[in-house]
Amino acid sequence: MAGKSESVSISVPYRNLRKDVEVEMVANRQNESASSSSSSSPSNHGAAVGKDCSLVTLVLSCTVAAGVQFGWALQLSLLTPYIQTLGISHAFSSFIWLCGPITGLVVQPCVGIWSDKCTSKYGRRRPFILVGSLMISIAVIIIGFSADIGYLLGDSKEHCSTFKGTRTRAAFVFIIGFWLLDLANNTVQGPARALLADLSGPEQRNTANAVFCLWMAIGNILGFSAGASGRWQEWFPFLTSRACCAACGNLKAAFLLAVVFLTICTLVTIYFAEEIPLASNKPTQNGLDHSKSNGTANGIKYARVERDMDVQLGKSNNEHQDETYIDSPGSVLVNLLTSLRHLPPAMHSVLIVMALTWLSWFPFFLFDTDWMGREVYHGNPTGDSLLVKLYGQGVREGAFGLLLNSVVLGISSFLIEPMCQRMGARAVWALSNFTVFACMAGTAVISLMSLRDNTKGGEPILPNETTRTAAVIVFALLGFPLAITYSVPFSVTAEVTADSGGGQGLAIGVLNLAIVIPQMIVSLGAGPWDALFGGGNLPAFVLASVAAFAAGVIALRSLPTLSSSFKSTGFHIG
């Protein structure tokens, strides 16, 4: 009837609270027509309430993903080459990437727990997104101006175009900014993804993931385009200085642009993502009186009710509900490690394949543009002017290849679901690893082709068109297996742990270990490993090729046979 409203309760267990509390979101909607009234009637028995917010609101609430990904694209394409211009050798340049996996291992789970428990009047996620975005802005400014800061702190006064030594203070400032940037990225990522889940209704999850991935793709494309330009210092010449030459001025301008873009994206997200604050009221002792907090967001009236779950379920039959979740970083890590023995047996094979998969990917993430500058263009960031110019051209060409990689990744994401339905997720995951094996092996062939062209004359020359095209094609083709790596393993994990008694969240957390531990190994070992063979990036790429092949074989032989159904769980940011 026109004057009445229907109420549908959605029960969401907040397992990270110190007391297990069931939160009921009671949505009160005015029935505008007979059809809408029937679709939300109690006879549906827990059916979806409908969309929590309009599609436009959902799209605008996800814009922060583009801002974060813009900066991440610049980080991937420009920072490994730039740190070498400050005098840090190639063998040690990989060490600066160690903070990413460390913060991903500890900070991101903790921030997720803290945001779950946040009772700010501005919501649970938005305060963390705002603080994280401010940290990103500060970090990229520190990185961009590291050479100037080092100059003021006492680095060599010789002009940057002629000085080829180590600028120790500038490098130290750069590393501080770099680590702060990784910390800030991980501060934003978890709450941004959780905000998406909070705002989208049960029937909006696939749409929400698609929107989020679209913004990520936009951020990637814009970021790699900015990195491929290489001419920002020409458009903003005032950013160069005695301590900051062309490469530094280009990076400085690109990162300042990233600050502006991230600021706009963050403000749009904060304005349009209307959150319902988490009630700080404690439930009463008898569990019968309810503390309520009412609010309106995205056109829906809400009433929040908290009940003591111990009264409803009983402690004797549900001891796992009495667990206290300690949110200190050390406790989070210990809980993840000790939980390995509780996983389904099939998860151990998933973890092995995932670890080998990321052992094959991370050398590429670290050295992609550096490989293009060194092995393909035979430049040197600390050599004479000609070698520096060649290296810069190679870095820009690599950034363009990463731009194409992002386009292929976005297109491939639409093909994963039909492929999994036809071939099965196990075969698709194995196929992605064999593709990485072929592409990384192809980098060796391309390097040899370029070396042959370069040794024909006495002076370093540009690689021929065939070699450059082949290198860019390899970068682009890697977008296909990367799309699979960002989605299929998480869906496989969800299916493997579906009957493990609510252990999917735990399994995803453990799966993160199989991502960050290989990253730590590569960060610590890739540079010295390359140095054993005379420098360059080819030894790490060959090792990556071997890891990818092993991952493909183990995936085919050890992963369980899975259903042909596939539901995208979205992409891992950065």
Protein backbone atom coordinates (compact mmCIF):
# COMPACT_ATOMS: atom_id res chain seq x y z
CA MET A 1 0.00 0.00 0.00
CA ALA A 2 1.14 3.50 -0.72
CA GLY A 3 1.52 4.66 2.84
CA LYS A 4 3.36 1.65 4.21
CA SER A 5 6.96 0.51 4.07
CA GLU A 6 8.59 -2.88 4.09
CA SER A 7 11.54 -3.86 6.31
CA VAL A 8 14.16 -6.37 5.34
CA SER A 9 17.04 -7.28 7.68
CA ILE A 10 20.51 -8.02 6.37
CA SER A 11 22.68 -9.75 9.00
CA VAL A 12 26.38 -8.95 8.74
CA PRO A 13 28.77 -10.61 11.22
CA TYR A 14 31.49 -8.18 12.33
CA ARG A 15 34.01 -10.83 13.35
CA ASN A 16 36.79 -8.33 13.96
CA LEU A 17 35.04 -6.67 16.89
CA ARG A 18 36.24 -7.66 20.34
CA LYS A 19 32.75 -8.98 21.08
CA ASP A 20 30.98 -10.82 18.34
CA VAL A 21 28.07 -8.63 17.48
CA GLU A 22 25.42 -9.10 14.87
CA VAL A 23 24.53 -5.93 13.10
CA GLU A 24 21.20 -5.75 11.41
CA MET A 25 20.74 -3.14 8.75
CA VAL A 26 17.02 -2.55 8.53
CA ALA A 27 16.20 -0.82 5.28
CA ASN A 28 12.94 1.07 5.24
CA ARG A 29 11.77 1.83 1.76
CA GLN A 30 8.59 3.49 0.61
CA ASN A 31 6.82 1.30 -1.91
CA GLU A 32 6.28 3.42 -4.97
CA SER A 33 4.42 0.84 -7.02
CA ALA A 34 2.77 -2.54 -6.71
CA SER A 35 5.63 -4.26 -8.53
CA SER A 36 8.29 -2.83 -6.24
CA SER A 37 6.18 -3.75 -3.23
CA SER A 38 5.95 -7.37 -4.30
CA SER A 39 9.67 -7.61 -5.03
CA SER A 40 10.56 -6.53 -1.50
CA SER A 41 7.87 -8.43 0.37
CA PRO A 42 8.68 -10.70 3.29
CA SER A 43 7.87 -13.72 1.21
CA ASN A 44 11.29 -13.40 -0.38
CA HIS A 45 12.84 -14.71 2.83
CA GLY A 46 16.05 -12.77 2.88
CA ALA A 47 16.19 -11.75 -0.73
CA ALA A 48 18.25 -8.76 -1.67
CA VAL A 49 16.85 -5.46 -0.54
CA GLY A 50 17.65 -3.91 -3.85
CA LYS A 51 20.38 -1.52 -4.75
CA ASP A 52 21.90 0.31 -1.81
CA CYS A 53 22.85 3.19 -4.05
CA SER A 54 22.40 4.30 -7.61
CA LEU A 55 24.87 3.30 -10.29
CA VAL A 56 26.02 6.92 -10.64
CA THR A 57 26.76 7.12 -6.91
CA LEU A 58 28.60 3.80 -7.06
CA VAL A 59 30.72 4.99 -9.98
CA LEU A 60 31.63 8.27 -8.28
CA SER A 61 32.38 6.52 -4.99
CA CYS A 62 35.10 4.42 -6.62
CA THR A 63 37.14 7.23 -8.18
CA VAL A 64 39.86 6.99 -5.52
CA ALA A 65 40.94 3.73 -7.18
CA ALA A 66 41.96 5.70 -10.28
CA GLY A 67 43.95 8.20 -8.21
CA VAL A 68 45.87 5.50 -6.33
CA GLN A 69 46.51 3.49 -9.49
CA PHE A 70 47.79 6.60 -11.32
CA GLY A 71 50.55 6.98 -8.74
CA TRP A 72 51.23 3.23 -8.71
CA ALA A 73 51.73 3.26 -12.49
CA LEU A 74 54.26 6.07 -12.18
CA GLN A 75 55.97 4.17 -9.37
CA LEU A 76 56.31 1.05 -11.53
CA SER A 77 57.55 2.85 -14.61
CA LEU A 78 59.87 5.56 -13.27
CA LEU A 79 61.23 4.88 -9.78
CA THR A 80 63.66 2.00 -10.39
CA PRO A 81 65.35 3.97 -13.20
CA TYR A 82 65.35 7.19 -11.16
CA ILE A 83 67.01 5.77 -8.04
CA GLN A 84 69.97 4.77 -10.21
CA THR A 85 70.44 8.39 -11.31
CA LEU A 86 71.10 9.19 -7.63
CA GLY A 87 74.04 6.79 -7.65
CA ILE A 88 72.42 3.67 -6.17
CA SER A 89 73.77 0.70 -8.10
CA HIS A 90 71.50 -1.61 -10.04
CA ALA A 91 72.41 -4.49 -7.71
CA PHE A 92 70.88 -2.66 -4.74
CA SER A 93 67.98 -0.90 -6.45
CA SER A 94 65.64 -3.81 -5.77
CA PHE A 95 66.07 -3.37 -2.00
CA ILE A 96 63.96 -0.22 -1.99
CA TRP A 97 60.93 -2.29 -3.07
CA LEU A 98 61.08 -4.34 0.13
CA CYS A 99 58.64 -2.07 1.95
CA GLY A 100 55.74 -2.94 -0.36
CA PRO A 101 55.42 -6.59 0.65
CA ILE A 102 56.17 -5.80 4.31
CA THR A 103 53.38 -3.26 4.56
CA GLY A 104 51.10 -5.49 2.49
CA LEU A 105 51.75 -8.30 4.96
CA VAL A 106 51.15 -6.35 8.17
CA VAL A 107 49.68 -2.89 7.55
CA GLN A 108 46.86 -3.74 5.15
CA PRO A 109 45.23 -6.43 7.37
CA CYS A 110 45.54 -4.17 10.43
CA VAL A 111 44.05 -1.19 8.62
CA GLY A 112 41.20 -3.42 7.49
CA ILE A 113 40.50 -4.46 11.08
CA TRP A 114 40.79 -0.91 12.40
CA SER A 115 38.43 0.42 9.75
CA ASP A 116 35.92 -2.32 10.61
CA LYS A 117 35.88 -1.00 14.18
CA CYS A 118 36.03 2.73 13.40
CA THR A 119 33.13 4.65 14.98
CA SER A 120 33.84 8.04 13.39
CA LYS A 121 30.80 10.08 12.48
CA TYR A 122 32.22 10.30 8.95
CA GLY A 123 32.01 6.52 8.51
CA ARG A 124 34.35 3.58 8.84
CA ARG A 125 36.28 3.78 5.56
CA ARG A 126 36.43 7.41 4.52
CA PRO A 127 38.72 8.60 7.36
CA PHE A 128 41.32 5.99 6.37
CA ILE A 129 40.99 6.83 2.68
CA LEU A 130 41.50 10.53 3.43
CA VAL A 131 44.51 9.98 5.70
CA GLY A 132 46.06 7.49 3.26
CA SER A 133 45.61 9.89 0.34
CA LEU A 134 47.29 12.69 2.30
CA MET A 135 50.19 10.34 3.05
CA ILE A 136 50.48 9.45 -0.65
CA SER A 137 50.61 13.15 -1.58
CA ILE A 138 53.32 13.86 0.99
CA ALA A 139 55.31 10.80 -0.11
CA VAL A 140 55.34 11.63 -3.82
CA ILE A 141 56.35 15.22 -3.10
CA ILE A 142 59.27 13.94 -0.99
CA ILE A 143 60.27 11.59 -3.82
CA GLY A 144 59.98 14.25 -6.51
CA PHE A 145 62.04 16.80 -4.57
CA SER A 146 64.53 14.30 -3.09
CA ALA A 147 67.41 15.57 -5.25
CA ASP A 148 66.75 19.19 -4.24
CA ILE A 149 66.40 18.25 -0.56
CA GLY A 150 69.65 16.27 -0.73
CA TYR A 151 71.34 19.27 -2.34
CA LEU A 152 70.21 21.49 0.54
CA LEU A 153 71.37 18.90 3.08
CA GLY A 154 74.92 18.85 1.72
CA ASP A 155 75.15 16.70 -1.40
CA SER A 156 77.62 17.64 -4.13
CA LYS A 157 77.20 21.15 -5.51
CA GLU A 158 78.37 20.03 -8.94
CA HIS A 159 75.74 20.30 -11.65
CA CYS A 160 73.67 17.13 -12.02
CA SER A 161 74.48 16.89 -15.74
CA THR A 162 78.17 16.31 -15.02
CA PHE A 163 78.21 14.69 -11.56
CA LYS A 164 78.16 10.87 -11.78
CA GLY A 165 78.80 9.93 -8.16
CA THR A 166 76.41 8.92 -5.40
CA ARG A 167 74.17 11.57 -3.89
CA THR A 168 73.79 9.89 -0.51
CA ARG A 169 71.47 12.37 1.16
CA ALA A 170 69.16 12.56 -1.85
CA ALA A 171 69.02 8.76 -2.00
CA PHE A 172 68.20 8.59 1.72
CA VAL A 173 65.36 11.12 1.31
CA PHE A 174 64.11 9.21 -1.74
CA ILE A 175 63.99 5.92 0.20
CA ILE A 176 62.05 7.57 3.04
CA GLY A 177 59.50 8.89 0.54
CA PHE A 178 59.35 5.57 -1.30
CA TRP A 179 58.65 3.57 1.85
CA LEU A 180 56.09 6.12 3.00
CA LEU A 181 54.41 5.80 -0.40
CA ASP A 182 54.12 2.01 -0.05
CA LEU A 183 52.76 2.42 3.47
CA ALA A 184 50.20 4.96 2.26
CA ASN A 185 49.13 2.81 -0.72
CA ASN A 186 48.38 -0.09 1.60
CA THR A 187 46.51 2.25 3.95
CA VAL A 188 44.11 3.25 1.17
CA GLN A 189 43.68 -0.06 -0.63
CA GLY A 190 41.86 -2.09 2.02
CA PRO A 191 39.33 0.59 3.06
CA ALA A 192 38.71 1.52 -0.59
CA ARG A 193 37.77 -2.07 -1.45
CA ALA A 194 35.76 -2.42 1.79
CA LEU A 195 33.88 0.80 1.01
CA LEU A 196 32.86 -0.71 -2.31
CA ALA A 197 31.47 -3.76 -0.52
CA ASP A 198 29.67 -1.58 2.04
CA LEU A 199 27.88 0.51 -0.58
CA SER A 200 26.90 -2.17 -3.07
CA GLY A 201 23.87 -4.36 -2.52
CA PRO A 202 23.92 -8.15 -2.99
CA GLU A 203 22.78 -7.80 -6.60
CA GLN A 204 25.38 -5.11 -7.29
CA ARG A 205 28.56 -6.98 -6.42
CA ASN A 206 29.59 -7.90 -9.98
CA THR A 207 28.73 -4.42 -11.22
CA ALA A 208 30.63 -2.84 -8.35
CA ASN A 209 33.74 -4.92 -9.06
CA ALA A 210 33.53 -4.01 -12.74
CA VAL A 211 33.28 -0.30 -11.90
CA PHE A 212 36.20 -0.52 -9.49
CA CYS A 213 38.34 -2.33 -12.07
CA LEU A 214 37.37 0.22 -14.70
CA TRP A 215 38.67 3.06 -12.52
CA MET A 216 41.85 1.07 -11.90
CA ALA A 217 42.31 0.63 -15.64
CA ILE A 218 41.77 4.36 -16.20
CA GLY A 219 44.34 5.18 -13.52
CA ASN A 220 46.83 2.73 -15.05
CA ILE A 221 46.39 4.10 -18.55
CA LEU A 222 46.74 7.72 -17.45
CA GLY A 223 49.69 6.92 -15.18
CA PHE A 224 51.65 4.97 -17.77
CA SER A 225 50.84 7.64 -20.36
CA ALA A 226 52.34 10.24 -18.03
CA GLY A 227 55.40 8.05 -17.53
CA ALA A 228 55.80 7.47 -21.26
CA SER A 229 55.72 11.16 -22.10
CA GLY A 230 59.18 12.04 -20.82
CA ARG A 231 58.65 15.69 -21.66
CA TRP A 232 57.12 17.12 -18.53
CA GLN A 233 60.33 19.01 -17.72
CA GLU A 234 59.99 20.80 -21.10
CA TRP A 235 56.46 21.93 -20.31
CA PHE A 236 57.38 22.91 -16.74
CA PRO A 237 61.03 24.01 -17.02
CA PHE A 238 60.95 25.78 -13.64
CA LEU A 239 60.94 22.36 -11.96
CA THR A 240 64.52 21.63 -13.03
CA SER A 241 67.44 22.93 -11.00
CA ARG A 242 71.16 22.49 -10.48
CA ALA A 243 70.45 19.28 -8.56
CA CYS A 244 67.51 18.14 -10.69
CA CYS A 245 68.10 17.57 -14.40
CA ALA A 246 65.78 16.25 -17.11
CA ALA A 247 64.93 12.83 -15.66
CA CYS A 248 64.39 14.33 -12.21
CA GLY A 249 62.30 17.22 -13.56
CA ASN A 250 60.15 14.80 -15.58
CA LEU A 251 59.51 12.64 -12.51
CA LYS A 252 58.84 15.67 -10.31
CA ALA A 253 56.22 17.08 -12.68
CA ALA A 254 54.56 13.71 -13.21
CA PHE A 255 54.24 13.14 -9.46
CA LEU A 256 52.86 16.65 -8.86
CA LEU A 257 50.24 15.85 -11.49
CA ALA A 258 49.55 12.63 -9.57
CA VAL A 259 48.94 14.67 -6.40
CA VAL A 260 46.40 16.86 -8.17
CA PHE A 261 44.63 13.88 -9.75
CA LEU A 262 44.56 11.91 -6.49
CA THR A 263 43.20 14.92 -4.60
CA ILE A 264 40.32 15.31 -7.04
CA CYS A 265 39.53 11.58 -6.98
CA THR A 266 39.65 11.41 -3.18
CA LEU A 267 37.37 14.41 -2.72
CA VAL A 268 34.85 12.95 -5.17
CA THR A 269 34.87 9.62 -3.31
CA ILE A 270 34.52 11.21 0.11
CA TYR A 271 31.67 13.46 -1.04
CA PHE A 272 29.56 10.87 -2.84
CA ALA A 273 30.23 7.78 -0.68
CA GLU A 274 27.71 8.33 2.12
CA GLU A 275 28.57 5.86 4.86
CA ILE A 276 26.50 4.84 7.85
CA PRO A 277 28.65 5.32 10.97
CA LEU A 278 29.23 2.23 13.07
CA ALA A 279 27.28 2.52 16.34
CA SER A 280 29.46 2.78 19.42
CA ASN A 281 26.55 1.81 21.68
CA LYS A 282 27.15 -1.39 23.61
CA PRO A 283 24.38 -4.01 23.74
CA THR A 284 22.55 -4.47 27.00
CA GLN A 285 23.32 -7.32 29.35
CA ASN A 286 20.21 -9.38 28.73
CA GLY A 287 20.51 -9.08 24.98
CA LEU A 288 16.83 -8.20 24.66
CA ASP A 289 16.99 -4.41 24.73
CA HIS A 290 18.54 -3.09 21.56
CA SER A 291 20.63 0.00 21.04
CA LYS A 292 19.69 1.66 17.78
CA SER A 293 21.28 4.20 15.55
CA ASN A 294 19.30 5.57 12.67
CA GLY A 295 20.50 7.27 9.53
CA THR A 296 19.82 7.97 5.89
CA ALA A 297 22.29 7.34 3.06
CA ASN A 298 21.87 7.07 -0.70
CA GLY A 299 18.12 7.53 -0.40
CA ILE A 300 17.60 4.68 2.09
CA LYS A 301 16.55 4.99 5.72
CA TYR A 302 18.48 2.70 8.02
CA ALA A 303 18.11 1.54 11.59
CA ARG A 304 21.06 -0.28 13.17
CA VAL A 305 20.44 -2.85 15.88
CA GLU A 306 23.12 -4.63 17.92
CA ARG A 307 22.50 -7.87 19.79
CA ASP A 308 24.69 -10.00 21.99
CA MET A 309 25.45 -13.11 19.95
CA ASP A 310 26.28 -15.13 23.06
CA VAL A 311 22.60 -15.04 24.09
CA GLN A 312 21.36 -16.05 20.63
CA LEU A 313 23.81 -18.83 19.80
CA GLY A 314 25.07 -20.10 23.15
CA LYS A 315 28.72 -20.34 24.09
CA SER A 316 28.82 -24.10 24.53
CA ASN A 317 27.96 -24.94 20.93
CA ASN A 318 29.74 -22.01 19.30
CA GLU A 319 33.09 -21.59 20.99
CA HIS A 320 34.60 -20.05 17.87
CA GLN A 321 32.28 -17.08 18.33
CA ASP A 322 34.07 -16.24 21.57
CA GLU A 323 37.44 -15.57 19.94
CA THR A 324 38.98 -12.21 20.68
CA TYR A 325 40.51 -10.62 17.63
CA ILE A 326 43.62 -8.72 18.62
CA ASP A 327 44.45 -6.08 16.06
CA SER A 328 48.12 -5.39 16.73
CA PRO A 329 50.40 -5.97 13.72
CA GLY A 330 52.32 -8.76 15.42
CA SER A 331 49.14 -10.59 16.41
CA VAL A 332 47.75 -10.36 12.90
CA LEU A 333 50.91 -11.93 11.45
CA VAL A 334 51.06 -14.67 14.09
CA ASN A 335 47.40 -15.53 13.55
CA LEU A 336 47.94 -15.82 9.80
CA LEU A 337 50.97 -18.09 10.19
CA THR A 338 49.39 -20.36 12.81
CA SER A 339 46.21 -20.68 10.77
CA LEU A 340 47.99 -22.63 8.01
CA ARG A 341 47.23 -25.93 9.73
CA HIS A 342 43.49 -25.23 9.69
CA LEU A 343 43.28 -24.80 5.90
CA PRO A 344 41.73 -27.42 3.62
CA PRO A 345 44.41 -29.73 2.13
CA ALA A 346 43.79 -28.38 -1.38
CA MET A 347 44.76 -24.87 -0.22
CA HIS A 348 48.38 -25.95 0.20
CA SER A 349 48.62 -26.60 -3.55
CA VAL A 350 46.98 -23.23 -4.20
CA LEU A 351 49.56 -21.51 -2.00
CA ILE A 352 52.47 -23.22 -3.77
CA VAL A 353 51.20 -22.24 -7.21
CA MET A 354 50.47 -18.69 -6.03
CA ALA A 355 53.96 -18.29 -4.58
CA LEU A 356 55.63 -19.49 -7.79
CA THR A 357 53.32 -17.28 -9.84
CA TRP A 358 54.46 -14.18 -7.96
CA LEU A 359 58.09 -15.25 -8.08
CA SER A 360 57.69 -15.04 -11.85
CA TRP A 361 55.89 -11.69 -11.84
CA PHE A 362 57.80 -9.54 -9.42
CA PRO A 363 61.12 -9.37 -11.36
CA PHE A 364 59.13 -7.94 -14.25
CA PHE A 365 57.40 -5.39 -12.01
CA LEU A 366 60.76 -4.30 -10.59
CA PHE A 367 62.83 -4.08 -13.75
CA ASP A 368 60.48 -3.78 -16.74
CA THR A 369 61.39 -0.26 -17.85
CA ASP A 370 64.99 -0.69 -16.65
CA TRP A 371 65.30 -3.78 -18.87
CA MET A 372 64.05 -1.76 -21.82
CA GLY A 373 66.57 0.99 -21.11
CA ARG A 374 69.56 -1.31 -20.48
CA GLU A 375 69.15 -4.51 -22.48
CA VAL A 376 67.10 -3.25 -25.42
CA TYR A 377 68.40 0.33 -25.82
CA HIS A 378 71.81 -0.32 -24.18
CA GLY A 379 71.68 2.90 -22.22
CA ASN A 380 73.05 3.67 -18.78
CA PRO A 381 71.50 6.12 -16.29
CA THR A 382 74.95 7.01 -14.93
CA GLY A 383 76.92 6.97 -18.21
CA ASP A 384 77.79 9.76 -20.62
CA SER A 385 75.16 11.97 -22.19
CA LEU A 386 74.50 9.59 -25.11
CA LEU A 387 74.02 6.57 -22.83
CA VAL A 388 71.74 8.58 -20.52
CA LYS A 389 69.69 9.67 -23.53
CA LEU A 390 69.37 6.09 -24.80
CA TYR A 391 68.39 4.87 -21.34
CA GLY A 392 65.71 7.55 -21.08
CA GLN A 393 64.29 6.59 -24.46
CA GLY A 394 64.15 2.97 -23.36
CA VAL A 395 62.36 3.84 -20.11
CA ARG A 396 59.75 5.84 -22.00
CA GLU A 397 59.30 3.00 -24.50
CA GLY A 398 58.86 0.62 -21.57
CA ALA A 399 56.23 2.88 -20.03
CA PHE A 400 54.38 2.85 -23.35
CA GLY A 401 54.54 -0.95 -23.31
CA LEU A 402 53.03 -0.94 -19.81
CA LEU A 403 50.28 1.32 -21.12
CA LEU A 404 49.43 -1.30 -23.74
CA ASN A 405 49.71 -3.93 -21.01
CA SER A 406 46.96 -2.17 -19.05
CA VAL A 407 44.72 -2.00 -22.12
CA VAL A 408 45.16 -5.73 -22.79
CA LEU A 409 44.57 -6.45 -19.10
CA GLY A 410 41.27 -4.58 -19.18
CA ILE A 411 40.09 -6.37 -22.32
CA SER A 412 41.22 -9.76 -21.02
CA SER A 413 39.23 -9.34 -17.81
CA PHE A 414 36.04 -9.76 -19.84
CA LEU A 415 37.32 -13.05 -21.31
CA ILE A 416 38.25 -14.78 -18.06
CA GLU A 417 34.75 -15.85 -17.05
CA PRO A 418 33.86 -17.60 -20.35
CA MET A 419 37.32 -19.19 -20.44
CA CYS A 420 36.91 -20.59 -16.94
CA GLN A 421 33.46 -21.89 -17.77
CA ARG A 422 34.81 -23.66 -20.85
CA MET A 423 38.24 -24.85 -19.66
CA GLY A 424 38.02 -24.75 -15.89
CA ALA A 425 39.83 -22.38 -13.55
CA ARG A 426 42.75 -24.81 -13.05
CA ALA A 427 43.59 -24.92 -16.77
CA VAL A 428 43.16 -21.14 -17.15
CA TRP A 429 45.54 -20.45 -14.25
CA ALA A 430 48.08 -22.90 -15.71
CA LEU A 431 47.70 -21.26 -19.13
CA SER A 432 48.52 -17.86 -17.64
CA ASN A 433 51.74 -19.21 -16.12
CA PHE A 434 52.82 -20.85 -19.36
CA THR A 435 52.19 -17.52 -21.11
CA VAL A 436 54.43 -15.75 -18.59
CA PHE A 437 57.06 -18.46 -19.16
CA ALA A 438 57.01 -17.83 -22.92
CA CYS A 439 57.10 -14.04 -22.57
CA MET A 440 59.92 -13.99 -20.02
CA ALA A 441 61.89 -16.45 -22.13
CA GLY A 442 61.21 -14.12 -25.05
CA THR A 443 62.99 -11.29 -23.21
CA ALA A 444 66.22 -13.34 -23.47
CA VAL A 445 65.80 -13.70 -27.22
CA ILE A 446 65.05 -9.98 -27.60
CA SER A 447 68.08 -9.07 -25.50
CA LEU A 448 70.32 -11.19 -27.72
CA MET A 449 68.82 -9.60 -30.86
CA SER A 450 69.48 -6.12 -29.49
CA LEU A 451 73.00 -7.04 -28.41
CA ARG A 452 73.76 -8.33 -31.91
CA ASP A 453 72.56 -5.05 -33.46
CA ASN A 454 74.50 -2.97 -30.95
CA THR A 455 77.85 -4.71 -31.53
CA LYS A 456 77.87 -4.08 -35.26
CA GLY A 457 79.28 -0.60 -34.82
CA GLY A 458 81.62 1.07 -32.38
CA GLU A 459 79.05 3.51 -30.95
CA PRO A 460 75.81 2.55 -29.16
CA ILE A 461 72.90 2.74 -31.56
CA LEU A 462 69.16 2.51 -31.30
CA PRO A 463 67.77 -1.02 -31.65
CA ASN A 464 66.14 -1.75 -34.97
CA GLU A 465 62.40 -1.51 -35.42
CA THR A 466 61.87 -5.28 -35.19
CA THR A 467 63.58 -5.52 -31.81
CA ARG A 468 61.71 -2.54 -30.35
CA THR A 469 58.38 -3.83 -31.63
CA ALA A 470 59.02 -7.29 -30.22
CA ALA A 471 59.84 -5.83 -26.79
CA VAL A 472 56.65 -3.75 -26.73
CA ILE A 473 54.59 -6.76 -27.85
CA VAL A 474 55.96 -8.80 -24.93
CA PHE A 475 54.93 -6.04 -22.51
CA ALA A 476 51.45 -5.92 -24.05
CA LEU A 477 50.94 -9.72 -24.11
CA LEU A 478 51.74 -9.96 -20.42
CA GLY A 479 48.50 -8.08 -19.74
CA PHE A 480 46.54 -11.28 -20.49
CA PRO A 481 48.13 -13.51 -17.81
CA LEU A 482 48.20 -10.56 -15.41
CA ALA A 483 44.40 -10.26 -15.63
CA ILE A 484 44.15 -13.96 -14.74
CA THR A 485 46.62 -13.58 -11.86
CA TYR A 486 44.59 -10.71 -10.42
CA SER A 487 41.33 -12.66 -10.35
CA VAL A 488 41.36 -16.45 -10.83
CA PRO A 489 43.50 -17.40 -7.78
CA PHE A 490 41.08 -15.58 -5.48
CA SER A 491 38.09 -17.30 -7.04
CA VAL A 492 39.86 -20.67 -6.77
CA THR A 493 40.53 -19.95 -3.10
CA ALA A 494 36.88 -19.06 -2.51
CA GLU A 495 35.76 -22.35 -4.05
CA VAL A 496 38.35 -24.49 -2.27
CA THR A 497 37.42 -23.01 1.12
CA ALA A 498 33.67 -22.79 0.51
CA ASP A 499 32.92 -25.72 2.86
CA SER A 500 35.56 -24.96 5.47
CA GLY A 501 33.20 -23.43 8.01
CA GLY A 502 33.49 -19.75 7.19
CA GLY A 503 37.24 -19.88 6.58
CA GLN A 504 37.31 -17.95 3.30
CA GLY A 505 38.40 -14.70 4.92
CA LEU A 506 41.17 -16.54 6.70
CA ALA A 507 42.22 -18.30 3.48
CA ILE A 508 42.40 -15.00 1.56
CA GLY A 509 44.60 -13.61 4.32
CA VAL A 510 46.92 -16.61 4.07
CA LEU A 511 46.88 -16.31 0.27
CA ASN A 512 48.31 -12.83 0.77
CA LEU A 513 51.34 -14.51 2.40
CA ALA A 514 51.96 -16.38 -0.86
CA ILE A 515 52.07 -13.00 -2.61
CA VAL A 516 54.21 -10.91 -0.27
CA ILE A 517 56.81 -13.51 0.74
CA PRO A 518 57.92 -14.08 -2.91
CA GLN A 519 58.05 -10.30 -3.30
CA MET A 520 60.39 -10.08 -0.31
CA ILE A 521 62.60 -12.82 -1.79
CA VAL A 522 62.83 -11.03 -5.13
CA SER A 523 63.43 -7.63 -3.50
CA LEU A 524 66.31 -9.01 -1.47
CA GLY A 525 67.80 -11.32 -4.07
CA ALA A 526 67.14 -10.02 -7.58
CA GLY A 527 69.78 -7.29 -7.59
CA PRO A 528 72.62 -9.42 -6.16
CA TRP A 529 71.55 -12.33 -8.40
CA ASP A 530 71.83 -10.12 -11.48
CA ALA A 531 75.20 -8.83 -10.26
CA LEU A 532 76.56 -12.40 -10.16
CA PHE A 533 76.18 -12.52 -13.94
CA GLY A 534 77.64 -9.12 -14.65
CA GLY A 535 74.62 -6.92 -14.05
CA GLY A 536 71.56 -6.24 -16.14
CA ASN A 537 68.13 -7.75 -15.64
CA LEU A 538 68.23 -10.87 -17.78
CA PRO A 539 69.28 -13.32 -14.99
CA ALA A 540 66.24 -12.35 -12.89
CA PHE A 541 63.97 -12.65 -15.94
CA VAL A 542 65.29 -16.13 -16.74
CA LEU A 543 64.68 -17.20 -13.14
CA ALA A 544 61.17 -15.76 -13.43
CA SER A 545 60.61 -17.84 -16.56
CA VAL A 546 61.61 -21.02 -14.70
CA ALA A 547 59.26 -20.18 -11.80
CA ALA A 548 56.38 -19.56 -14.22
CA PHE A 549 56.92 -22.91 -15.93
CA ALA A 550 57.02 -24.71 -12.58
CA ALA A 551 53.82 -22.95 -11.51
CA GLY A 552 52.04 -24.05 -14.67
CA VAL A 553 53.09 -27.69 -14.28
CA ILE A 554 52.13 -27.82 -10.58
CA ALA A 555 48.81 -26.13 -11.32
CA LEU A 556 47.89 -28.85 -13.82
CA ARG A 557 49.11 -31.72 -11.63
CA SER A 558 48.22 -30.64 -8.09
CA LEU A 559 45.33 -28.19 -8.08
CA PRO A 560 41.95 -29.83 -7.40
CA THR A 561 39.38 -30.22 -10.14
CA LEU A 562 37.11 -27.23 -9.79
CA SER A 563 33.65 -26.41 -11.06
CA SER A 564 33.32 -24.61 -14.35
CA SER A 565 31.47 -21.73 -12.70
CA PHE A 566 33.42 -18.53 -12.12
CA LYS A 567 32.56 -15.40 -10.20
CA SER A 568 35.00 -12.55 -10.45
CA THR A 569 36.30 -11.34 -7.12
CA GLY A 570 37.82 -8.24 -8.61
CA PHE A 571 41.43 -7.16 -8.90
CA HIS A 572 44.18 -6.75 -6.39
CA ILE A 573 45.31 -3.11 -6.37
CA GLY A 574 48.96 -2.45 -7.17
